[in-house]
Structures are given as C-alpha cells and as structure tokens.
Amino acid sequence: MRIFNFSPGPAVLPLEVLEQAQAELLDWHQSGMSVMEISHRGQAFMQVAAEAEADLRELLSIPRNYKVLFLQGGASAQFALVPLNLAAPQSTVDYVNTGHWSHKAIAEAGR
C-alpha cells in the first residue's frame, strides 16, 4: 500500500520513477557507480544537469534570459542562500511580507 505525503518538503513520486531509481542505484547508465557517486565536474553529471535545466525550462516556460539555479536545502536554507549569493555586499533588497514564511526569509536576510 502506497502512502501519500501531503506535508511540506518531499512528496510522493510515481512508482515508475522509484523503480527506475532503484534499478539504477548501483549502476547508473552502466558506469559502474551510482549517479550519486559520479563527479559533479564530470561529463556525465554535466549532461544530467543540462537535461534537468532543459526539462525545467520547457515545463515551466522559463525564458532564456532567466538563470536557473539548482540549490540544495529546504526553504530555510534558501532564505540564507539567496541574499548571500544574489545581493551585493551592503546593498538593499526588497521583500514582500505576506506572512509566516516571508517573515522568516526577511529575518534571515537581515543577518
């Protein structure tokens, strides 16, 4: 029996996706290693990243003049990563305070 998780964060994946991941876990594309073990600077990973970006751009109709960032961590990590990496030192940034989560983001950016 499959359980559906409606909590924030991880969500239910289609069974076919999980089965493919299971099948490729120990030997991804006959590389002799898991996709999690390949070098993040190697050609194989660069291809994975390029395909992921292309798929995301197509799915969400992201224009070419927008950058796509793949960042690890949850929402709280992103609250620190975004201002630290996208705002110049001593610059001013604007936030729209719409409630609980934006309040947390504003507080983190203030650090």
PDB file of N, CA and C in Angstrom:
ATOM      1  N   MET A   1       0.845  -1.183   0.000  1.00  0.00           N
ATOM      2  CA  MET A   1       0.000   0.000   0.000  1.00  0.00           C
ATOM      3  C   MET A   1       0.886   1.241   0.000  1.00  0.00           C
ATOM      4  N   ARG A   2       0.636   2.157  -0.917  1.00  0.00           N
ATOM      5  CA  ARG A   2       1.392   3.405  -1.000  1.00  0.00           C
ATOM      6  C   ARG A   2       0.720   4.455  -0.128  1.00  0.00           C
ATOM      7  N   ILE A   3       1.530   5.229   0.558  1.00  0.00           N
ATOM      8  CA  ILE A   3       1.032   6.315   1.406  1.00  0.00           C
ATOM      9  C   ILE A   3       1.299   7.622   0.691  1.00  0.00           C
ATOM     10  N   PHE A   4       0.356   8.533   0.724  1.00  0.00           N
ATOM     11  CA  PHE A   4       0.517   9.847   0.101  1.00  0.00           C
ATOM     12  C   PHE A   4       0.910  10.856   1.165  1.00  0.00           C
ATOM     13  N   ASN A   5       2.024  11.531   0.948  1.00  0.00           N
ATOM     14  CA  ASN A   5       2.564  12.513   1.878  1.00  0.00           C
ATOM     15  C   ASN A   5       2.193  13.903   1.377  1.00  0.00           C
ATOM     16  N   PHE A   6       1.364  14.601   2.120  1.00  0.00           N
ATOM     17  CA  PHE A   6       0.970  15.954   1.743  1.00  0.00           C
ATOM     18  C   PHE A   6       1.665  17.001   2.611  1.00  0.00           C
ATOM     19  N   SER A   7       2.720  16.590   3.302  1.00  0.00           N
ATOM     20  CA  SER A   7       3.483  17.511   4.145  1.00  0.00           C
ATOM     21  C   SER A   7       4.389  18.383   3.283  1.00  0.00           C
ATOM     22  N   PRO A   8       4.863  19.507   3.836  1.00  0.00           N
ATOM     23  CA  PRO A   8       5.839  20.307   3.096  1.00  0.00           C
ATOM     24  C   PRO A   8       7.109  19.487   2.889  1.00  0.00           C
ATOM     25  N   GLY A   9       7.810  19.769   1.839  1.00  0.00           N
ATOM     26  CA  GLY A   9       9.056  19.054   1.573  1.00  0.00           C
ATOM     27  C   GLY A   9       8.834  17.917   0.606  1.00  0.00           C
ATOM     28  N   PRO A  10       9.422  16.745   0.899  1.00  0.00           N
ATOM     29  CA  PRO A  10       9.310  15.625  -0.040  1.00  0.00           C
ATOM     30  C   PRO A  10       7.851  15.258  -0.296  1.00  0.00           C
ATOM     31  N   ALA A  11       7.595  14.823  -1.503  1.00  0.00           N
ATOM     32  CA  ALA A  11       6.241  14.440  -1.875  1.00  0.00           C
ATOM     33  C   ALA A  11       6.284  13.056  -2.508  1.00  0.00           C
ATOM     34  N   VAL A  12       5.130  12.531  -2.796  1.00  0.00           N
ATOM     35  CA  VAL A  12       5.005  11.215  -3.405  1.00  0.00           C
ATOM     36  C   VAL A  12       5.555  11.260  -4.830  1.00  0.00           C
ATOM     37  N   LEU A  13       6.356  10.265  -5.164  1.00  0.00           N
ATOM     38  CA  LEU A  13       6.863  10.120  -6.523  1.00  0.00           C
ATOM     39  C   LEU A  13       6.128   8.977  -7.205  1.00  0.00           C
ATOM     40  N   PRO A  14       5.961   9.056  -8.511  1.00  0.00           N
ATOM     41  CA  PRO A  14       5.329   7.941  -9.219  1.00  0.00           C
ATOM     42  C   PRO A  14       6.137   6.655  -9.018  1.00  0.00           C
ATOM     43  N   LEU A  15       5.460   5.539  -8.891  1.00  0.00           N
ATOM     44  CA  LEU A  15       6.112   4.262  -8.664  1.00  0.00           C
ATOM     45  C   LEU A  15       7.144   3.959  -9.752  1.00  0.00           C
ATOM     46  N   GLU A  16       6.852   4.342 -10.992  1.00  0.00           N
ATOM     47  CA  GLU A  16       7.786   4.085 -12.098  1.00  0.00           C
ATOM     48  C   GLU A  16       9.115   4.815 -11.878  1.00  0.00           C
ATOM     49  N   VAL A  17       9.050   6.019 -11.329  1.00  0.00           N
ATOM     50  CA  VAL A  17      10.257   6.797 -11.059  1.00  0.00           C
ATOM     51  C   VAL A  17      11.081   6.112  -9.971  1.00  0.00           C
ATOM     52  N   LEU A  18      10.418   5.665  -8.921  1.00  0.00           N
ATOM     53  CA  LEU A  18      11.121   4.970  -7.836  1.00  0.00           C
ATOM     54  C   LEU A  18      11.746   3.669  -8.324  1.00  0.00           C
ATOM     55  N   GLU A  19      11.030   2.945  -9.164  1.00  0.00           N
ATOM     56  CA  GLU A  19      11.561   1.686  -9.694  1.00  0.00           C
ATOM     57  C   GLU A  19      12.774   1.928 -10.599  1.00  0.00           C
ATOM     58  N   GLN A  20      12.742   2.979 -11.393  1.00  0.00           N
ATOM     59  CA  GLN A  20      13.897   3.304 -12.233  1.00  0.00           C
ATOM     60  C   GLN A  20      15.087   3.684 -11.363  1.00  0.00           C
ATOM     61  N   ALA A  21      14.849   4.511 -10.339  1.00  0.00           N
ATOM     62  CA  ALA A  21      15.927   4.896  -9.425  1.00  0.00           C
ATOM     63  C   ALA A  21      16.502   3.656  -8.736  1.00  0.00           C
ATOM     64  N   GLN A  22      15.642   2.742  -8.340  1.00  0.00           N
ATOM     65  CA  GLN A  22      16.092   1.511  -7.698  1.00  0.00           C
ATOM     66  C   GLN A  22      16.966   0.692  -8.646  1.00  0.00           C
ATOM     67  N   ALA A  23      16.528   0.577  -9.875  1.00  0.00           N
ATOM     68  CA  ALA A  23      17.265  -0.212 -10.854  1.00  0.00           C
ATOM     69  C   ALA A  23      18.624   0.406 -11.171  1.00  0.00           C
ATOM     70  N   GLU A  24      18.716   1.731 -11.118  1.00  0.00           N
ATOM     71  CA  GLU A  24      19.957   2.422 -11.480  1.00  0.00           C
ATOM     72  C   GLU A  24      20.822   2.791 -10.279  1.00  0.00           C
ATOM     73  N   LEU A  25      20.372   2.443  -9.084  1.00  0.00           N
ATOM     74  CA  LEU A  25      21.070   2.894  -7.883  1.00  0.00           C
ATOM     75  C   LEU A  25      22.521   2.421  -7.818  1.00  0.00           C
ATOM     76  N   LEU A  26      22.771   1.179  -8.142  1.00  0.00           N
ATOM     77  CA  LEU A  26      24.128   0.652  -8.024  1.00  0.00           C
ATOM     78  C   LEU A  26      24.945   0.796  -9.303  1.00  0.00           C
ATOM     79  N   ASP A  27      24.268   0.946 -10.431  1.00  0.00           N
ATOM     80  CA  ASP A  27      24.990   1.027 -11.707  1.00  0.00           C
ATOM     81  C   ASP A  27      24.222   1.945 -12.647  1.00  0.00           C
ATOM     82  N   TRP A  28      24.508   3.248 -12.551  1.00  0.00           N
ATOM     83  CA  TRP A  28      23.797   4.242 -13.355  1.00  0.00           C
ATOM     84  C   TRP A  28      24.380   4.286 -14.755  1.00  0.00           C
ATOM     85  N   HIS A  29      23.548   4.021 -15.740  1.00  0.00           N
ATOM     86  CA  HIS A  29      23.921   4.056 -17.161  1.00  0.00           C
ATOM     87  C   HIS A  29      25.189   3.254 -17.448  1.00  0.00           C
ATOM     88  N   GLN A  30      25.304   2.108 -16.780  1.00  0.00           N
ATOM     89  CA  GLN A  30      26.443   1.193 -16.951  1.00  0.00           C
ATOM     90  C   GLN A  30      27.791   1.879 -16.682  1.00  0.00           C
ATOM     91  N   SER A  31      27.774   2.787 -15.698  1.00  0.00           N
ATOM     92  CA  SER A  31      29.003   3.492 -15.325  1.00  0.00           C
ATOM     93  C   SER A  31      29.771   2.760 -14.236  1.00  0.00           C
ATOM     94  N   GLY A  32      29.126   1.757 -13.618  1.00  0.00           N
ATOM     95  CA  GLY A  32      29.765   1.045 -12.520  1.00  0.00           C
ATOM     96  C   GLY A  32      29.606   1.734 -11.182  1.00  0.00           C
ATOM     97  N   MET A  33      28.849   2.835 -11.171  1.00  0.00           N
ATOM     98  CA  MET A  33      28.620   3.547  -9.914  1.00  0.00           C
ATOM     99  C   MET A  33      27.234   4.195  -9.933  1.00  0.00           C
ATOM    100  N   SER A  34      26.813   4.638  -8.774  1.00  0.00           N
ATOM    101  CA  SER A  34      25.533   5.325  -8.633  1.00  0.00           C
ATOM    102  C   SER A  34      25.646   6.737  -9.194  1.00  0.00           C
ATOM    103  N   VAL A  35      24.522   7.301  -9.620  1.00  0.00           N
ATOM    104  CA  VAL A  35      24.519   8.693 -10.075  1.00  0.00           C
ATOM    105  C   VAL A  35      24.957   9.623  -8.938  1.00  0.00           C
ATOM    106  N   MET A  36      24.760   9.178  -7.699  1.00  0.00           N
ATOM    107  CA  MET A  36      25.163   9.974  -6.538  1.00  0.00           C
ATOM    108  C   MET A  36      26.666   9.937  -6.307  1.00  0.00           C
ATOM    109  N   GLU A  37      27.370   9.031  -7.006  1.00  0.00           N
ATOM    110  CA  GLU A  37      28.809   8.890  -6.817  1.00  0.00           C
ATOM    111  C   GLU A  37      29.636   9.505  -7.943  1.00  0.00           C
ATOM    112  N   ILE A  38      28.997   9.895  -9.041  1.00  0.00           N
ATOM    113  CA  ILE A  38      29.760  10.443 -10.154  1.00  0.00           C
ATOM    114  C   ILE A  38      30.228  11.855  -9.814  1.00  0.00           C
ATOM    115  N   SER A  39      31.309  12.250 -10.436  1.00  0.00           N
ATOM    116  CA  SER A  39      31.876  13.570 -10.166  1.00  0.00           C
ATOM    117  C   SER A  39      30.929  14.670 -10.623  1.00  0.00           C
ATOM    118  N   HIS A  40      30.751  15.672  -9.777  1.00  0.00           N
ATOM    119  CA  HIS A  40      29.903  16.805 -10.153  1.00  0.00           C
ATOM    120  C   HIS A  40      30.586  17.685 -11.203  1.00  0.00           C
ATOM    121  N   ARG A  41      31.813  17.382 -11.537  1.00  0.00           N
ATOM    122  CA  ARG A  41      32.528  18.109 -12.588  1.00  0.00           C
ATOM    123  C   ARG A  41      32.673  17.272 -13.862  1.00  0.00           C
ATOM    124  N   GLY A  42      32.262  15.999 -13.789  1.00  0.00           N
ATOM    125  CA  GLY A  42      32.427  15.096 -14.917  1.00  0.00           C
ATOM    126  C   GLY A  42      31.383  15.307 -16.004  1.00  0.00           C
ATOM    127  N   GLN A  43      31.683  14.795 -17.182  1.00  0.00           N
ATOM    128  CA  GLN A  43      30.796  14.941 -18.341  1.00  0.00           C
ATOM    129  C   GLN A  43      29.425  14.327 -18.093  1.00  0.00           C
ATOM    130  N   ALA A  44      29.384  13.174 -17.417  1.00  0.00           N
ATOM    131  CA  ALA A  44      28.099  12.509 -17.171  1.00  0.00           C
ATOM    132  C   ALA A  44      27.180  13.399 -16.335  1.00  0.00           C
ATOM    133  N   PHE A  45      27.731  13.993 -15.277  1.00  0.00           N
ATOM    134  CA  PHE A  45      26.901  14.858 -14.442  1.00  0.00           C
ATOM    135  C   PHE A  45      26.510  16.128 -15.179  1.00  0.00           C
ATOM    136  N   MET A  46      27.436  16.684 -15.935  1.00  0.00           N
ATOM    137  CA  MET A  46      27.129  17.906 -16.676  1.00  0.00           C
ATOM    138  C   MET A  46      25.957  17.661 -17.631  1.00  0.00           C
ATOM    139  N   GLN A  47      25.896  16.465 -18.203  1.00  0.00           N
ATOM    140  CA  GLN A  47      24.785  16.116 -19.086  1.00  0.00           C
ATOM    141  C   GLN A  47      23.485  16.015 -18.291  1.00  0.00           C
ATOM    142  N   VAL A  48      23.537  15.398 -17.116  1.00  0.00           N
ATOM    143  CA  VAL A  48      22.347  15.301 -16.251  1.00  0.00           C
ATOM    144  C   VAL A  48      21.844  16.696 -15.906  1.00  0.00           C
ATOM    145  N   ALA A  49      22.750  17.579 -15.510  1.00  0.00           N
ATOM    146  CA  ALA A  49      22.367  18.936 -15.133  1.00  0.00           C
ATOM    147  C   ALA A  49      21.779  19.703 -16.315  1.00  0.00           C
ATOM    148  N   ALA A  50      22.373  19.558 -17.491  1.00  0.00           N
ATOM    149  CA  ALA A  50      21.869  20.255 -18.683  1.00  0.00           C
ATOM    150  C   ALA A  50      20.480  19.751 -19.059  1.00  0.00           C
ATOM    151  N   GLU A  51      20.278  18.439 -18.979  1.00  0.00           N
ATOM    152  CA  GLU A  51      18.958  17.873 -19.294  1.00  0.00           C
ATOM    153  C   GLU A  51      17.914  18.318 -18.271  1.00  0.00           C
ATOM    154  N   ALA A  52      18.300  18.366 -16.999  1.00  0.00           N
ATOM    155  CA  ALA A  52      17.373  18.805 -15.949  1.00  0.00           C
ATOM    156  C   ALA A  52      16.969  20.258 -16.176  1.00  0.00           C
ATOM    157  N   GLU A  53      17.933  21.099 -16.527  1.00  0.00           N
ATOM    158  CA  GLU A  53      17.621  22.504 -16.790  1.00  0.00           C
ATOM    159  C   GLU A  53      16.721  22.638 -18.013  1.00  0.00           C
ATOM    160  N   ALA A  54      17.023  21.914 -19.073  1.00  0.00           N
ATOM    161  CA  ALA A  54      16.202  21.985 -20.291  1.00  0.00           C
ATOM    162  C   ALA A  54      14.774  21.521 -20.007  1.00  0.00           C
ATOM    163  N   ASP A  55      14.639  20.437 -19.255  1.00  0.00           N
ATOM    164  CA  ASP A  55      13.301  19.937 -18.909  1.00  0.00           C
ATOM    165  C   ASP A  55      12.538  20.955 -18.069  1.00  0.00           C
ATOM    166  N   LEU A  56      13.213  21.557 -17.096  1.00  0.00           N
ATOM    167  CA  LEU A  56      12.570  22.544 -16.229  1.00  0.00           C
ATOM    168  C   LEU A  56      12.152  23.777 -17.021  1.00  0.00           C
ATOM    169  N   ARG A  57      13.030  24.239 -17.905  1.00  0.00           N
ATOM    170  CA  ARG A  57      12.696  25.395 -18.746  1.00  0.00           C
ATOM    171  C   ARG A  57      11.465  25.112 -19.601  1.00  0.00           C
ATOM    172  N   GLU A  58      11.404  23.915 -20.171  1.00  0.00           N
ATOM    173  CA  GLU A  58      10.258  23.561 -21.007  1.00  0.00           C
ATOM    174  C   GLU A  58       8.986  23.439 -20.172  1.00  0.00           C
ATOM    175  N   LEU A  59       9.080  22.746 -19.052  1.00  0.00           N
ATOM    176  CA  LEU A  59       7.922  22.514 -18.193  1.00  0.00           C
ATOM    177  C   LEU A  59       7.325  23.814 -17.655  1.00  0.00           C
ATOM    178  N   LEU A  60       8.191  24.748 -17.257  1.00  0.00           N
ATOM    179  CA  LEU A  60       7.732  25.991 -16.636  1.00  0.00           C
ATOM    180  C   LEU A  60       7.789  27.196 -17.567  1.00  0.00           C
ATOM    181  N   SER A  61       8.131  26.966 -18.837  1.00  0.00           N
ATOM    182  CA  SER A  61       8.253  28.046 -19.831  1.00  0.00           C
ATOM    183  C   SER A  61       9.189  29.153 -19.333  1.00  0.00           C
ATOM    184  N   ILE A  62      10.364  28.752 -18.859  1.00  0.00           N
ATOM    185  CA  ILE A  62      11.341  29.712 -18.353  1.00  0.00           C
ATOM    186  C   ILE A  62      12.103  30.296 -19.547  1.00  0.00           C
ATOM    187  N   PRO A  63      12.067  31.601 -19.723  1.00  0.00           N
ATOM    188  CA  PRO A  63      12.764  32.211 -20.863  1.00  0.00           C
ATOM    189  C   PRO A  63      14.284  32.064 -20.760  1.00  0.00           C
ATOM    190  N   ARG A  64      14.963  32.159 -21.895  1.00  0.00           N
ATOM    191  CA  ARG A  64      16.412  32.002 -21.959  1.00  0.00           C
ATOM    192  C   ARG A  64      17.147  33.121 -21.216  1.00  0.00           C
ATOM    193  N   ASN A  65      16.514  34.274 -21.060  1.00  0.00           N
ATOM    194  CA  ASN A  65      17.193  35.373 -20.372  1.00  0.00           C
ATOM    195  C   ASN A  65      17.066  35.271 -18.843  1.00  0.00           C
ATOM    196  N   TYR A  66      16.516  34.174 -18.335  1.00  0.00           N
ATOM    197  CA  TYR A  66      16.461  33.900 -16.904  1.00  0.00           C
ATOM    198  C   TYR A  66      17.465  32.793 -16.590  1.00  0.00           C
ATOM    199  N   LYS A  67      18.121  32.901 -15.437  1.00  0.00           N
ATOM    200  CA  LYS A  67      19.032  31.858 -14.973  1.00  0.00           C
ATOM    201  C   LYS A  67      18.246  30.828 -14.171  1.00  0.00           C
ATOM    202  N   VAL A  68      18.669  29.594 -14.229  1.00  0.00           N
ATOM    203  CA  VAL A  68      18.083  28.520 -13.429  1.00  0.00           C
ATOM    204  C   VAL A  68      19.139  28.087 -12.427  1.00  0.00           C
ATOM    205  N   LEU A  69      18.799  28.121 -11.158  1.00  0.00           N
ATOM    206  CA  LEU A  69      19.711  27.710 -10.099  1.00  0.00           C
ATOM    207  C   LEU A  69      19.185  26.436  -9.457  1.00  0.00           C
ATOM    208  N   PHE A  70      20.032  25.445  -9.322  1.00  0.00           N
ATOM    209  CA  PHE A  70      19.687  24.237  -8.581  1.00  0.00           C
ATOM    210  C   PHE A  70      20.411  24.328  -7.246  1.00  0.00           C
ATOM    211  N   LEU A  71      19.664  24.550  -6.179  1.00  0.00           N
ATOM    212  CA  LEU A  71      20.245  24.743  -4.857  1.00  0.00           C
ATOM    213  C   LEU A  71      19.756  23.655  -3.921  1.00  0.00           C
ATOM    214  N   GLN A  72      20.666  23.106  -3.134  1.00  0.00           N
ATOM    215  CA  GLN A  72      20.247  22.097  -2.173  1.00  0.00           C
ATOM    216  C   GLN A  72      19.728  22.768  -0.914  1.00  0.00           C
ATOM    217  N   GLY A  73      19.014  22.016  -0.123  1.00  0.00           N
ATOM    218  CA  GLY A  73      18.475  22.535   1.123  1.00  0.00           C
ATOM    219  C   GLY A  73      17.010  22.879   0.983  1.00  0.00           C
ATOM    220  N   GLY A  74      16.353  23.043   2.085  1.00  0.00           N
ATOM    221  CA  GLY A  74      14.943  23.391   2.089  1.00  0.00           C
ATOM    222  C   GLY A  74      14.745  24.898   2.093  1.00  0.00           C
ATOM    223  N   ALA A  75      13.540  25.302   2.385  1.00  0.00           N
ATOM    224  CA  ALA A  75      13.183  26.716   2.344  1.00  0.00           C
ATOM    225  C   ALA A  75      14.061  27.548   3.278  1.00  0.00           C
ATOM    226  N   SER A  76      14.298  27.066   4.475  1.00  0.00           N
ATOM    227  CA  SER A  76      15.095  27.843   5.428  1.00  0.00           C
ATOM    228  C   SER A  76      16.521  28.054   4.923  1.00  0.00           C
ATOM    229  N   ALA A  77      17.102  27.043   4.294  1.00  0.00           N
ATOM    230  CA  ALA A  77      18.445  27.199   3.730  1.00  0.00           C
ATOM    231  C   ALA A  77      18.426  28.226   2.603  1.00  0.00           C
ATOM    232  N   GLN A  78      17.381  28.213   1.805  1.00  0.00           N
ATOM    233  CA  GLN A  78      17.278  29.146   0.686  1.00  0.00           C
ATOM    234  C   GLN A  78      17.166  30.584   1.188  1.00  0.00           C
ATOM    235  N   PHE A  79      16.566  30.771   2.348  1.00  0.00           N
ATOM    236  CA  PHE A  79      16.430  32.129   2.888  1.00  0.00           C
ATOM    237  C   PHE A  79      17.802  32.756   3.125  1.00  0.00           C
ATOM    238  N   ALA A  80      18.803  31.948   3.433  1.00  0.00           N
ATOM    239  CA  ALA A  80      20.160  32.469   3.610  1.00  0.00           C
ATOM    240  C   ALA A  80      20.910  32.490   2.283  1.00  0.00           C
ATOM    241  N   LEU A  81      20.741  31.451   1.475  1.00  0.00           N
ATOM    242  CA  LEU A  81      21.496  31.335   0.230  1.00  0.00           C
ATOM    243  C   LEU A  81      21.174  32.442  -0.766  1.00  0.00           C
ATOM    244  N   VAL A  82      19.930  32.798  -0.885  1.00  0.00           N
ATOM    245  CA  VAL A  82      19.547  33.778  -1.903  1.00  0.00           C
ATOM    246  C   VAL A  82      20.187  35.140  -1.649  1.00  0.00           C
ATOM    247  N   PRO A  83      20.004  35.756  -0.470  1.00  0.00           N
ATOM    248  CA  PRO A  83      20.635  37.074  -0.298  1.00  0.00           C
ATOM    249  C   PRO A  83      22.167  37.006  -0.279  1.00  0.00           C
ATOM    250  N   LEU A  84      22.733  35.919   0.256  1.00  0.00           N
ATOM    251  CA  LEU A  84      24.190  35.816   0.311  1.00  0.00           C
ATOM    252  C   LEU A  84      24.811  35.693  -1.077  1.00  0.00           C
ATOM    253  N   ASN A  85      24.100  35.105  -2.000  1.00  0.00           N
ATOM    254  CA  ASN A  85      24.665  34.860  -3.324  1.00  0.00           C
ATOM    255  C   ASN A  85      24.162  35.800  -4.410  1.00  0.00           C
ATOM    256  N   LEU A  86      23.045  36.440  -4.197  1.00  0.00           N
ATOM    257  CA  LEU A  86      22.472  37.272  -5.249  1.00  0.00           C
ATOM    258  C   LEU A  86      22.488  38.764  -4.952  1.00  0.00           C
ATOM    259  N   ALA A  87      22.762  39.142  -3.721  1.00  0.00           N
ATOM    260  CA  ALA A  87      22.805  40.566  -3.375  1.00  0.00           C
ATOM    261  C   ALA A  87      24.260  40.988  -3.140  1.00  0.00           C
ATOM    262  N   ALA A  88      24.608  42.148  -3.626  1.00  0.00           N
ATOM    263  CA  ALA A  88      25.957  42.675  -3.410  1.00  0.00           C
ATOM    264  C   ALA A  88      26.107  43.095  -1.948  1.00  0.00           C
ATOM    265  N   PRO A  89      27.332  43.024  -1.418  1.00  0.00           N
ATOM    266  CA  PRO A  89      27.547  43.466  -0.036  1.00  0.00           C
ATOM    267  C   PRO A  89      27.060  44.903   0.164  1.00  0.00           C
ATOM    268  N   GLN A  90      26.453  45.149   1.276  1.00  0.00           N
ATOM    269  CA  GLN A  90      25.938  46.472   1.656  1.00  0.00           C
ATOM    270  C   GLN A  90      24.812  46.972   0.748  1.00  0.00           C
ATOM    271  N   SER A  91      24.255  46.098  -0.078  1.00  0.00           N
ATOM    272  CA  SER A  91      23.158  46.536  -0.948  1.00  0.00           C
ATOM    273  C   SER A  91      21.830  46.410  -0.203  1.00  0.00           C
ATOM    274  N   THR A  92      20.827  47.004  -0.771  1.00  0.00           N
ATOM    275  CA  THR A  92      19.481  46.936  -0.222  1.00  0.00           C
ATOM    276  C   THR A  92      18.648  46.005  -1.092  1.00  0.00           C
ATOM    277  N   VAL A  93      17.885  45.143  -0.453  1.00  0.00           N
ATOM    278  CA  VAL A  93      16.991  44.245  -1.193  1.00  0.00           C
ATOM    279  C   VAL A  93      15.572  44.462  -0.683  1.00  0.00           C
ATOM    280  N   ASP A  94      14.608  44.149  -1.513  1.00  0.00           N
ATOM    281  CA  ASP A  94      13.205  44.324  -1.156  1.00  0.00           C
ATOM    282  C   ASP A  94      12.536  42.972  -0.952  1.00  0.00           C
ATOM    283  N   TYR A  95      11.695  42.881   0.041  1.00  0.00           N
ATOM    284  CA  TYR A  95      10.899  41.693   0.320  1.00  0.00           C
ATOM    285  C   TYR A  95       9.443  42.115   0.462  1.00  0.00           C
ATOM    286  N   VAL A  96       8.551  41.251   0.087  1.00  0.00           N
ATOM    287  CA  VAL A  96       7.129  41.462   0.325  1.00  0.00           C
ATOM    288  C   VAL A  96       6.753  40.550   1.489  1.00  0.00           C
ATOM    289  N   ASN A  97       6.316  41.142   2.587  1.00  0.00           N
ATOM    290  CA  ASN A  97       5.971  40.370   3.774  1.00  0.00           C
ATOM    291  C   ASN A  97       4.512  39.936   3.681  1.00  0.00           C
ATOM    292  N   THR A  98       4.323  38.665   3.314  1.00  0.00           N
ATOM    293  CA  THR A  98       2.963  38.142   3.132  1.00  0.00           C
ATOM    294  C   THR A  98       2.552  37.176   4.228  1.00  0.00           C
ATOM    295  N   GLY A  99       3.426  36.967   5.200  1.00  0.00           N
ATOM    296  CA  GLY A  99       3.046  36.054   6.275  1.00  0.00           C
ATOM    297  C   GLY A  99       4.232  35.337   6.874  1.00  0.00           C
ATOM    298  N   HIS A 100       3.959  34.188   7.431  1.00  0.00           N
ATOM    299  CA  HIS A 100       4.935  33.422   8.212  1.00  0.00           C
ATOM    300  C   HIS A 100       6.242  33.158   7.475  1.00  0.00           C
ATOM    301  N   TRP A 101       6.182  32.608   6.262  1.00  0.00           N
ATOM    302  CA  TRP A 101       7.398  32.217   5.556  1.00  0.00           C
ATOM    303  C   TRP A 101       8.185  33.431   5.065  1.00  0.00           C
ATOM    304  N   SER A 102       7.508  34.438   4.609  1.00  0.00           N
ATOM    305  CA  SER A 102       8.246  35.626   4.176  1.00  0.00           C
ATOM    306  C   SER A 102       8.877  36.321   5.379  1.00  0.00           C
ATOM    307  N   HIS A 103       8.207  36.280   6.528  1.00  0.00           N
ATOM    308  CA  HIS A 103       8.779  36.848   7.750  1.00  0.00           C
ATOM    309  C   HIS A 103      10.088  36.138   8.095  1.00  0.00           C
ATOM    310  N   LYS A 104      10.107  34.795   7.962  1.00  0.00           N
ATOM    311  CA  LYS A 104      11.331  34.033   8.225  1.00  0.00           C
ATOM    312  C   LYS A 104      12.428  34.408   7.229  1.00  0.00           C
ATOM    313  N   ALA A 105      12.053  34.589   5.954  1.00  0.00           N
ATOM    314  CA  ALA A 105      13.037  34.947   4.937  1.00  0.00           C
ATOM    315  C   ALA A 105      13.623  36.326   5.206  1.00  0.00           C
ATOM    316  N   ILE A 106      12.783  37.253   5.593  1.00  0.00           N
ATOM    317  CA  ILE A 106      13.238  38.617   5.903  1.00  0.00           C
ATOM    318  C   ILE A 106      14.192  38.613   7.087  1.00  0.00           C
ATOM    319  N   ALA A 107      13.858  37.849   8.118  1.00  0.00           N
ATOM    320  CA  ALA A 107      14.718  37.771   9.298  1.00  0.00           C
ATOM    321  C   ALA A 107      16.074  37.187   8.937  1.00  0.00           C
ATOM    322  N   GLU A 108      16.101  36.144   8.122  1.00  0.00           N
ATOM    323  CA  GLU A 108      17.368  35.536   7.709  1.00  0.00           C
ATOM    324  C   GLU A 108      18.188  36.489   6.855  1.00  0.00           C
ATOM    325  N   ALA A 109      17.547  37.206   5.953  1.00  0.00           N
ATOM    326  CA  ALA A 109      18.256  38.149   5.087  1.00  0.00           C
ATOM    327  C   ALA A 109      18.867  39.276   5.908  1.00  0.00           C
ATOM    328  N   GLY A 110      18.238  39.620   7.012  1.00  0.00           N
ATOM    329  CA  GLY A 110      18.747  40.689   7.863  1.00  0.00           C
ATOM    330  C   GLY A 110      20.067  40.374   8.528  1.00  0.00           C
ATOM    331  N   ARG A 111      20.391  39.104   8.601  1.00  0.00           N
ATOM    332  CA  ARG A 111      21.664  38.698   9.219  1.00  0.00           C
ATOM    333  C   ARG A 111      22.813  39.117   8.347  1.00  0.00           C
TER     334      ARG A 111
END
